[in-house]
Amino acid sequence: MVEPTRRERLRPVEFIVMALIIAVFIGLVVLGSTREVVLALVFFGVGFIVSLVVIAMLALAVKPDDAEQQDLDEQNHEHGGSTH
């Protein structure tokens, strides 16, 4: 079995950090415009969840490159499955 690379292991963390940055921006904009902390926290939470789901869905929509496809093919052959 092939050990995942460091980049592959950190990819979920990258998605969470991107969603967190977007959510902080949304929260700060709401806080700056309304001056209500509770409302800003609500928008922060909703923004985090929505942005995380959107980023994950976009990541799923990306077609794997040649190296990833070859790795998927090798994994399927090891387990006796087919690629299509």
PDB file of N, CA and C in Angstrom:
ATOM      1  N   MET A   1       0.839  -1.178   0.000  1.00  0.00           N
ATOM      2  CA  MET A   1       0.000   0.000   0.000  1.00  0.00           C
ATOM      3  C   MET A   1       0.886   1.244   0.000  1.00  0.00           C
ATOM      4  N   VAL A   2       0.505   2.227  -0.788  1.00  0.00           N
ATOM      5  CA  VAL A   2       1.301   3.442  -0.933  1.00  0.00           C
ATOM      6  C   VAL A   2       0.879   4.455   0.124  1.00  0.00           C
ATOM      7  N   GLU A   3       1.854   5.002   0.812  1.00  0.00           N
ATOM      8  CA  GLU A   3       1.616   6.027   1.831  1.00  0.00           C
ATOM      9  C   GLU A   3       1.230   7.334   1.137  1.00  0.00           C
ATOM     10  N   PRO A   4       0.149   8.026   1.588  1.00  0.00           N
ATOM     11  CA  PRO A   4      -0.221   9.294   0.965  1.00  0.00           C
ATOM     12  C   PRO A   4       0.856  10.351   1.206  1.00  0.00           C
ATOM     13  N   THR A   5       1.006  11.223   0.226  1.00  0.00           N
ATOM     14  CA  THR A   5       2.005  12.284   0.355  1.00  0.00           C
ATOM     15  C   THR A   5       1.522  13.321   1.366  1.00  0.00           C
ATOM     16  N   ARG A   6       2.436  14.179   1.759  1.00  0.00           N
ATOM     17  CA  ARG A   6       2.097  15.212   2.738  1.00  0.00           C
ATOM     18  C   ARG A   6       1.025  16.141   2.185  1.00  0.00           C
ATOM     19  N   ARG A   7       1.120  16.454   0.907  1.00  0.00           N
ATOM     20  CA  ARG A   7       0.131  17.339   0.286  1.00  0.00           C
ATOM     21  C   ARG A   7      -1.254  16.698   0.296  1.00  0.00           C
ATOM     22  N   GLU A   8      -1.320  15.399   0.025  1.00  0.00           N
ATOM     23  CA  GLU A   8      -2.605  14.699   0.045  1.00  0.00           C
ATOM     24  C   GLU A   8      -3.201  14.673   1.448  1.00  0.00           C
ATOM     25  N   ARG A   9      -2.348  14.532   2.461  1.00  0.00           N
ATOM     26  CA  ARG A   9      -2.842  14.507   3.836  1.00  0.00           C
ATOM     27  C   ARG A   9      -3.305  15.872   4.304  1.00  0.00           C
ATOM     28  N   LEU A  10      -2.716  16.947   3.792  1.00  0.00           N
ATOM     29  CA  LEU A  10      -3.065  18.291   4.238  1.00  0.00           C
ATOM     30  C   LEU A  10      -4.173  18.936   3.413  1.00  0.00           C
ATOM     31  N   ARG A  11      -4.628  18.288   2.355  1.00  0.00           N
ATOM     32  CA  ARG A  11      -5.650  18.871   1.501  1.00  0.00           C
ATOM     33  C   ARG A  11      -6.935  19.202   2.265  1.00  0.00           C
ATOM     34  N   PRO A  12      -7.457  18.336   3.124  1.00  0.00           N
ATOM     35  CA  PRO A  12      -8.657  18.727   3.882  1.00  0.00           C
ATOM     36  C   PRO A  12      -8.433  19.949   4.776  1.00  0.00           C
ATOM     37  N   VAL A  13      -7.240  20.084   5.317  1.00  0.00           N
ATOM     38  CA  VAL A  13      -6.934  21.250   6.150  1.00  0.00           C
ATOM     39  C   VAL A  13      -6.964  22.522   5.307  1.00  0.00           C
ATOM     40  N   GLU A  14      -6.492  22.430   4.076  1.00  0.00           N
ATOM     41  CA  GLU A  14      -6.533  23.587   3.179  1.00  0.00           C
ATOM     42  C   GLU A  14      -7.969  24.032   2.937  1.00  0.00           C
ATOM     43  N   PHE A  15      -8.869  23.080   2.733  1.00  0.00           N
ATOM     44  CA  PHE A  15     -10.272  23.419   2.503  1.00  0.00           C
ATOM     45  C   PHE A  15     -10.879  24.088   3.723  1.00  0.00           C
ATOM     46  N   ILE A  16     -10.570  23.585   4.904  1.00  0.00           N
ATOM     47  CA  ILE A  16     -11.115  24.155   6.129  1.00  0.00           C
ATOM     48  C   ILE A  16     -10.574  25.565   6.355  1.00  0.00           C
ATOM     49  N   VAL A  17      -9.290  25.776   6.070  1.00  0.00           N
ATOM     50  CA  VAL A  17      -8.697  27.109   6.246  1.00  0.00           C
ATOM     51  C   VAL A  17      -9.308  28.101   5.267  1.00  0.00           C
ATOM     52  N   MET A  18      -9.513  27.686   4.011  1.00  0.00           N
ATOM     53  CA  MET A  18     -10.150  28.582   3.038  1.00  0.00           C
ATOM     54  C   MET A  18     -11.564  28.950   3.479  1.00  0.00           C
ATOM     55  N   ALA A  19     -12.325  27.968   3.958  1.00  0.00           N
ATOM     56  CA  ALA A  19     -13.682  28.240   4.424  1.00  0.00           C
ATOM     57  C   ALA A  19     -13.659  29.143   5.653  1.00  0.00           C
ATOM     58  N   LEU A  20     -12.683  28.952   6.521  1.00  0.00           N
ATOM     59  CA  LEU A  20     -12.561  29.782   7.716  1.00  0.00           C
ATOM     60  C   LEU A  20     -12.247  31.230   7.350  1.00  0.00           C
ATOM     61  N   ILE A  21     -11.375  31.433   6.380  1.00  0.00           N
ATOM     62  CA  ILE A  21     -11.037  32.792   5.941  1.00  0.00           C
ATOM     63  C   ILE A  21     -12.263  33.486   5.364  1.00  0.00           C
ATOM     64  N   ILE A  22     -13.024  32.771   4.540  1.00  0.00           N
ATOM     65  CA  ILE A  22     -14.238  33.343   3.963  1.00  0.00           C
ATOM     66  C   ILE A  22     -15.238  33.682   5.061  1.00  0.00           C
ATOM     67  N   ALA A  23     -15.395  32.781   6.033  1.00  0.00           N
ATOM     68  CA  ALA A  23     -16.352  33.001   7.117  1.00  0.00           C
ATOM     69  C   ALA A  23     -15.947  34.183   7.995  1.00  0.00           C
ATOM     70  N   VAL A  24     -14.663  34.327   8.264  1.00  0.00           N
ATOM     71  CA  VAL A  24     -14.191  35.473   9.060  1.00  0.00           C
ATOM     72  C   VAL A  24     -14.481  36.775   8.326  1.00  0.00           C
ATOM     73  N   PHE A  25     -14.251  36.781   7.026  1.00  0.00           N
ATOM     74  CA  PHE A  25     -14.543  37.979   6.230  1.00  0.00           C
ATOM     75  C   PHE A  25     -16.027  38.328   6.308  1.00  0.00           C
ATOM     76  N   ILE A  26     -16.881  37.317   6.142  1.00  0.00           N
ATOM     77  CA  ILE A  26     -18.327  37.552   6.214  1.00  0.00           C
ATOM     78  C   ILE A  26     -18.707  38.070   7.600  1.00  0.00           C
ATOM     79  N   GLY A  27     -18.173  37.440   8.634  1.00  0.00           N
ATOM     80  CA  GLY A  27     -18.478  37.866   9.994  1.00  0.00           C
ATOM     81  C   GLY A  27     -18.040  39.289  10.267  1.00  0.00           C
ATOM     82  N   LEU A  28     -16.854  39.656   9.782  1.00  0.00           N
ATOM     83  CA  LEU A  28     -16.368  41.024   9.996  1.00  0.00           C
ATOM     84  C   LEU A  28     -17.195  42.056   9.230  1.00  0.00           C
ATOM     85  N   VAL A  29     -17.615  41.707   8.021  1.00  0.00           N
ATOM     86  CA  VAL A  29     -18.455  42.630   7.250  1.00  0.00           C
ATOM     87  C   VAL A  29     -19.786  42.854   7.959  1.00  0.00           C
ATOM     88  N   VAL A  30     -20.405  41.776   8.444  1.00  0.00           N
ATOM     89  CA  VAL A  30     -21.679  41.914   9.155  1.00  0.00           C
ATOM     90  C   VAL A  30     -21.484  42.684  10.455  1.00  0.00           C
ATOM     91  N   LEU A  31     -20.413  42.384  11.187  1.00  0.00           N
ATOM     92  CA  LEU A  31     -20.143  43.105  12.433  1.00  0.00           C
ATOM     93  C   LEU A  31     -19.904  44.585  12.169  1.00  0.00           C
ATOM     94  N   GLY A  32     -19.162  44.890  11.126  1.00  0.00           N
ATOM     95  CA  GLY A  32     -18.886  46.289  10.811  1.00  0.00           C
ATOM     96  C   GLY A  32     -20.098  47.056  10.340  1.00  0.00           C
ATOM     97  N   SER A  33     -21.036  46.374   9.707  1.00  0.00           N
ATOM     98  CA  SER A  33     -22.199  47.091   9.184  1.00  0.00           C
ATOM     99  C   SER A  33     -23.354  47.147  10.171  1.00  0.00           C
ATOM    100  N   THR A  34     -23.499  46.148  11.051  1.00  0.00           N
ATOM    101  CA  THR A  34     -24.644  46.147  11.963  1.00  0.00           C
ATOM    102  C   THR A  34     -24.262  46.430  13.409  1.00  0.00           C
ATOM    103  N   ARG A  35     -23.012  46.209  13.787  1.00  0.00           N
ATOM    104  CA  ARG A  35     -22.531  46.379  15.163  1.00  0.00           C
ATOM    105  C   ARG A  35     -23.222  45.416  16.141  1.00  0.00           C
ATOM    106  N   GLU A  36     -23.756  44.296  15.631  1.00  0.00           N
ATOM    107  CA  GLU A  36     -24.376  43.290  16.481  1.00  0.00           C
ATOM    108  C   GLU A  36     -23.520  42.027  16.447  1.00  0.00           C
ATOM    109  N   VAL A  37     -22.954  41.683  17.603  1.00  0.00           N
ATOM    110  CA  VAL A  37     -22.025  40.559  17.691  1.00  0.00           C
ATOM    111  C   VAL A  37     -22.733  39.231  17.435  1.00  0.00           C
ATOM    112  N   VAL A  38     -23.937  39.070  17.976  1.00  0.00           N
ATOM    113  CA  VAL A  38     -24.659  37.806  17.815  1.00  0.00           C
ATOM    114  C   VAL A  38     -24.982  37.570  16.340  1.00  0.00           C
ATOM    115  N   LEU A  39     -25.434  38.582  15.663  1.00  0.00           N
ATOM    116  CA  LEU A  39     -25.742  38.453  14.242  1.00  0.00           C
ATOM    117  C   LEU A  39     -24.481  38.144  13.436  1.00  0.00           C
ATOM    118  N   ALA A  40     -23.369  38.763  13.792  1.00  0.00           N
ATOM    119  CA  ALA A  40     -22.107  38.495  13.115  1.00  0.00           C
ATOM    120  C   ALA A  40     -21.657  37.057  13.345  1.00  0.00           C
ATOM    121  N   LEU A  41     -21.859  36.531  14.564  1.00  0.00           N
ATOM    122  CA  LEU A  41     -21.504  35.141  14.843  1.00  0.00           C
ATOM    123  C   LEU A  41     -22.382  34.171  14.058  1.00  0.00           C
ATOM    124  N   VAL A  42     -23.659  34.501  13.937  1.00  0.00           N
ATOM    125  CA  VAL A  42     -24.561  33.659  13.149  1.00  0.00           C
ATOM    126  C   VAL A  42     -24.111  33.636  11.692  1.00  0.00           C
ATOM    127  N   PHE A  43     -23.816  34.785  11.133  1.00  0.00           N
ATOM    128  CA  PHE A  43     -23.366  34.847   9.744  1.00  0.00           C
ATOM    129  C   PHE A  43     -22.011  34.168   9.579  1.00  0.00           C
ATOM    130  N   PHE A  44     -21.148  34.273  10.580  1.00  0.00           N
ATOM    131  CA  PHE A  44     -19.868  33.566  10.548  1.00  0.00           C
ATOM    132  C   PHE A  44     -20.097  32.057  10.452  1.00  0.00           C
ATOM    133  N   GLY A  45     -20.960  31.525  11.295  1.00  0.00           N
ATOM    134  CA  GLY A  45     -21.234  30.091  11.290  1.00  0.00           C
ATOM    135  C   GLY A  45     -21.857  29.621   9.992  1.00  0.00           C
ATOM    136  N   VAL A  46     -22.855  30.351   9.541  1.00  0.00           N
ATOM    137  CA  VAL A  46     -23.512  29.986   8.286  1.00  0.00           C
ATOM    138  C   VAL A  46     -22.534  30.119   7.120  1.00  0.00           C
ATOM    139  N   GLY A  47     -21.750  31.175   7.112  1.00  0.00           N
ATOM    140  CA  GLY A  47     -20.764  31.375   6.048  1.00  0.00           C
ATOM    141  C   GLY A  47     -19.721  30.279   6.025  1.00  0.00           C
ATOM    142  N   PHE A  48     -19.291  29.828   7.198  1.00  0.00           N
ATOM    143  CA  PHE A  48     -18.305  28.755   7.273  1.00  0.00           C
ATOM    144  C   PHE A  48     -18.866  27.467   6.694  1.00  0.00           C
ATOM    145  N   ILE A  49     -20.058  27.098   7.106  1.00  0.00           N
ATOM    146  CA  ILE A  49     -20.654  25.849   6.634  1.00  0.00           C
ATOM    147  C   ILE A  49     -20.916  25.897   5.130  1.00  0.00           C
ATOM    148  N   VAL A  50     -21.510  26.977   4.669  1.00  0.00           N
ATOM    149  CA  VAL A  50     -21.827  27.085   3.244  1.00  0.00           C
ATOM    150  C   VAL A  50     -20.556  27.105   2.400  1.00  0.00           C
ATOM    151  N   SER A  51     -19.565  27.866   2.807  1.00  0.00           N
ATOM    152  CA  SER A  51     -18.336  27.929   2.013  1.00  0.00           C
ATOM    153  C   SER A  51     -17.594  26.598   2.037  1.00  0.00           C
ATOM    154  N   LEU A  52     -17.618  25.885   3.150  1.00  0.00           N
ATOM    155  CA  LEU A  52     -16.974  24.579   3.210  1.00  0.00           C
ATOM    156  C   LEU A  52     -17.659  23.583   2.278  1.00  0.00           C
ATOM    157  N   VAL A  53     -18.973  23.588   2.262  1.00  0.00           N
ATOM    158  CA  VAL A  53     -19.710  22.693   1.362  1.00  0.00           C
ATOM    159  C   VAL A  53     -19.445  23.046  -0.097  1.00  0.00           C
ATOM    160  N   VAL A  54     -19.439  24.333  -0.427  1.00  0.00           N
ATOM    161  CA  VAL A  54     -19.197  24.751  -1.809  1.00  0.00           C
ATOM    162  C   VAL A  54     -17.781  24.381  -2.244  1.00  0.00           C
ATOM    163  N   ILE A  55     -16.794  24.604  -1.398  1.00  0.00           N
ATOM    164  CA  ILE A  55     -15.412  24.254  -1.736  1.00  0.00           C
ATOM    165  C   ILE A  55     -15.276  22.748  -1.928  1.00  0.00           C
ATOM    166  N   ALA A  56     -15.904  21.979  -1.061  1.00  0.00           N
ATOM    167  CA  ALA A  56     -15.836  20.515  -1.195  1.00  0.00           C
ATOM    168  C   ALA A  56     -16.515  20.047  -2.475  1.00  0.00           C
ATOM    169  N   MET A  57     -17.642  20.627  -2.820  1.00  0.00           N
ATOM    170  CA  MET A  57     -18.334  20.239  -4.048  1.00  0.00           C
ATOM    171  C   MET A  57     -17.522  20.618  -5.281  1.00  0.00           C
ATOM    172  N   LEU A  58     -16.878  21.762  -5.239  1.00  0.00           N
ATOM    173  CA  LEU A  58     -16.023  22.149  -6.357  1.00  0.00           C
ATOM    174  C   LEU A  58     -14.816  21.221  -6.479  1.00  0.00           C
ATOM    175  N   ALA A  59     -14.275  20.784  -5.358  1.00  0.00           N
ATOM    176  CA  ALA A  59     -13.152  19.851  -5.382  1.00  0.00           C
ATOM    177  C   ALA A  59     -13.576  18.505  -5.964  1.00  0.00           C
ATOM    178  N   LEU A  60     -14.796  18.092  -5.678  1.00  0.00           N
ATOM    179  CA  LEU A  60     -15.293  16.834  -6.238  1.00  0.00           C
ATOM    180  C   LEU A  60     -15.532  16.930  -7.738  1.00  0.00           C
ATOM    181  N   ALA A  61     -15.805  18.134  -8.227  1.00  0.00           N
ATOM    182  CA  ALA A  61     -16.092  18.320  -9.649  1.00  0.00           C
ATOM    183  C   ALA A  61     -14.831  18.323 -10.509  1.00  0.00           C
ATOM    184  N   VAL A  62     -13.668  18.460  -9.896  1.00  0.00           N
ATOM    185  CA  VAL A  62     -12.419  18.517 -10.651  1.00  0.00           C
ATOM    186  C   VAL A  62     -12.067  17.116 -11.143  1.00  0.00           C
ATOM    187  N   LYS A  63     -11.738  17.031 -12.415  1.00  0.00           N
ATOM    188  CA  LYS A  63     -11.370  15.752 -13.010  1.00  0.00           C
ATOM    189  C   LYS A  63      -9.938  15.398 -12.589  1.00  0.00           C
ATOM    190  N   PRO A  64      -9.683  14.129 -12.203  1.00  0.00           N
ATOM    191  CA  PRO A  64      -8.326  13.754 -11.781  1.00  0.00           C
ATOM    192  C   PRO A  64      -7.333  13.819 -12.939  1.00  0.00           C
ATOM    193  N   ASP A  65      -6.090  14.237 -12.634  1.00  0.00           N
ATOM    194  CA  ASP A  65      -5.067  14.284 -13.677  1.00  0.00           C
ATOM    195  C   ASP A  65      -4.528  12.875 -13.934  1.00  0.00           C
ATOM    196  N   ASP A  66      -3.549  12.763 -14.819  1.00  0.00           N
ATOM    197  CA  ASP A  66      -3.035  11.450 -15.228  1.00  0.00           C
ATOM    198  C   ASP A  66      -2.451  10.661 -14.062  1.00  0.00           C
ATOM    199  N   ALA A  67      -1.694  11.324 -13.189  1.00  0.00           N
ATOM    200  CA  ALA A  67      -1.077  10.626 -12.059  1.00  0.00           C
ATOM    201  C   ALA A  67      -2.147  10.102 -11.096  1.00  0.00           C
ATOM    202  N   GLU A  68      -3.151  10.915 -10.834  1.00  0.00           N
ATOM    203  CA  GLU A  68      -4.225  10.480  -9.945  1.00  0.00           C
ATOM    204  C   GLU A  68      -5.026   9.344 -10.567  1.00  0.00           C
ATOM    205  N   GLN A  69      -5.276   9.428 -11.884  1.00  0.00           N
ATOM    206  CA  GLN A  69      -6.027   8.377 -12.556  1.00  0.00           C
ATOM    207  C   GLN A  69      -5.256   7.065 -12.534  1.00  0.00           C
ATOM    208  N   GLN A  70      -3.950   7.139 -12.724  1.00  0.00           N
ATOM    209  CA  GLN A  70      -3.121   5.937 -12.675  1.00  0.00           C
ATOM    210  C   GLN A  70      -3.163   5.327 -11.266  1.00  0.00           C
ATOM    211  N   ASP A  71      -3.098   6.166 -10.245  1.00  0.00           N
ATOM    212  CA  ASP A  71      -3.169   5.671  -8.867  1.00  0.00           C
ATOM    213  C   ASP A  71      -4.521   5.016  -8.590  1.00  0.00           C
ATOM    214  N   LEU A  72      -5.600   5.631  -9.079  1.00  0.00           N
ATOM    215  CA  LEU A  72      -6.923   5.032  -8.905  1.00  0.00           C
ATOM    216  C   LEU A  72      -7.026   3.684  -9.619  1.00  0.00           C
ATOM    217  N   ASP A  73      -6.447   3.617 -10.823  1.00  0.00           N
ATOM    218  CA  ASP A  73      -6.461   2.354 -11.561  1.00  0.00           C
ATOM    219  C   ASP A  73      -5.702   1.263 -10.820  1.00  0.00           C
ATOM    220  N   GLU A  74      -4.557   1.626 -10.250  1.00  0.00           N
ATOM    221  CA  GLU A  74      -3.765   0.643  -9.495  1.00  0.00           C
ATOM    222  C   GLU A  74      -4.526   0.156  -8.270  1.00  0.00           C
ATOM    223  N   GLN A  75      -5.195   1.066  -7.575  1.00  0.00           N
ATOM    224  CA  GLN A  75      -5.966   0.678  -6.394  1.00  0.00           C
ATOM    225  C   GLN A  75      -7.125  -0.241  -6.774  1.00  0.00           C
ATOM    226  N   ASN A  76      -7.772   0.049  -7.898  1.00  0.00           N
ATOM    227  CA  ASN A  76      -8.875  -0.807  -8.321  1.00  0.00           C
ATOM    228  C   ASN A  76      -8.408  -2.181  -8.715  1.00  0.00           C
ATOM    229  N   HIS A  77      -7.239  -2.294  -9.345  1.00  0.00           N
ATOM    230  CA  HIS A  77      -6.719  -3.604  -9.735  1.00  0.00           C
ATOM    231  C   HIS A  77      -6.310  -4.421  -8.513  1.00  0.00           C
ATOM    232  N   GLU A  78      -5.821  -3.741  -7.478  1.00  0.00           N
ATOM    233  CA  GLU A  78      -5.443  -4.449  -6.245  1.00  0.00           C
ATOM    234  C   GLU A  78      -6.658  -5.064  -5.567  1.00  0.00           C
ATOM    235  N   HIS A  79      -7.809  -4.367  -5.674  1.00  0.00           N
ATOM    236  CA  HIS A  79      -9.019  -4.851  -5.003  1.00  0.00           C
ATOM    237  C   HIS A  79      -9.931  -5.632  -5.939  1.00  0.00           C
ATOM    238  N   GLY A  80      -9.540  -5.797  -7.190  1.00  0.00           N
ATOM    239  CA  GLY A  80     -10.316  -6.597  -8.139  1.00  0.00           C
ATOM    240  C   GLY A  80     -11.480  -5.866  -8.759  1.00  0.00           C
ATOM    241  N   GLY A  81     -11.541  -4.563  -8.661  1.00  0.00           N
ATOM    242  CA  GLY A  81     -12.638  -3.780  -9.245  1.00  0.00           C
ATOM    243  C   GLY A  81     -12.272  -3.295 -10.626  1.00  0.00           C
ATOM    244  N   SER A  82     -13.256  -2.648 -11.267  1.00  0.00           N
ATOM    245  CA  SER A  82     -12.995  -2.074 -12.592  1.00  0.00           C
ATOM    246  C   SER A  82     -12.973  -0.556 -12.457  1.00  0.00           C
ATOM    247  N   THR A  83     -12.398   0.113 -13.449  1.00  0.00           N
ATOM    248  CA  THR A  83     -12.260   1.569 -13.390  1.00  0.00           C
ATOM    249  C   THR A  83     -13.501   2.281 -13.887  1.00  0.00           C
ATOM    250  N   HIS A  84     -14.364   1.630 -14.636  1.00  0.00           N
ATOM    251  CA  HIS A  84     -15.536   2.336 -15.191  1.00  0.00           C
ATOM    252  C   HIS A  84     -16.807   1.624 -14.868  1.00  0.00           C
TER     253      HIS A  84
END
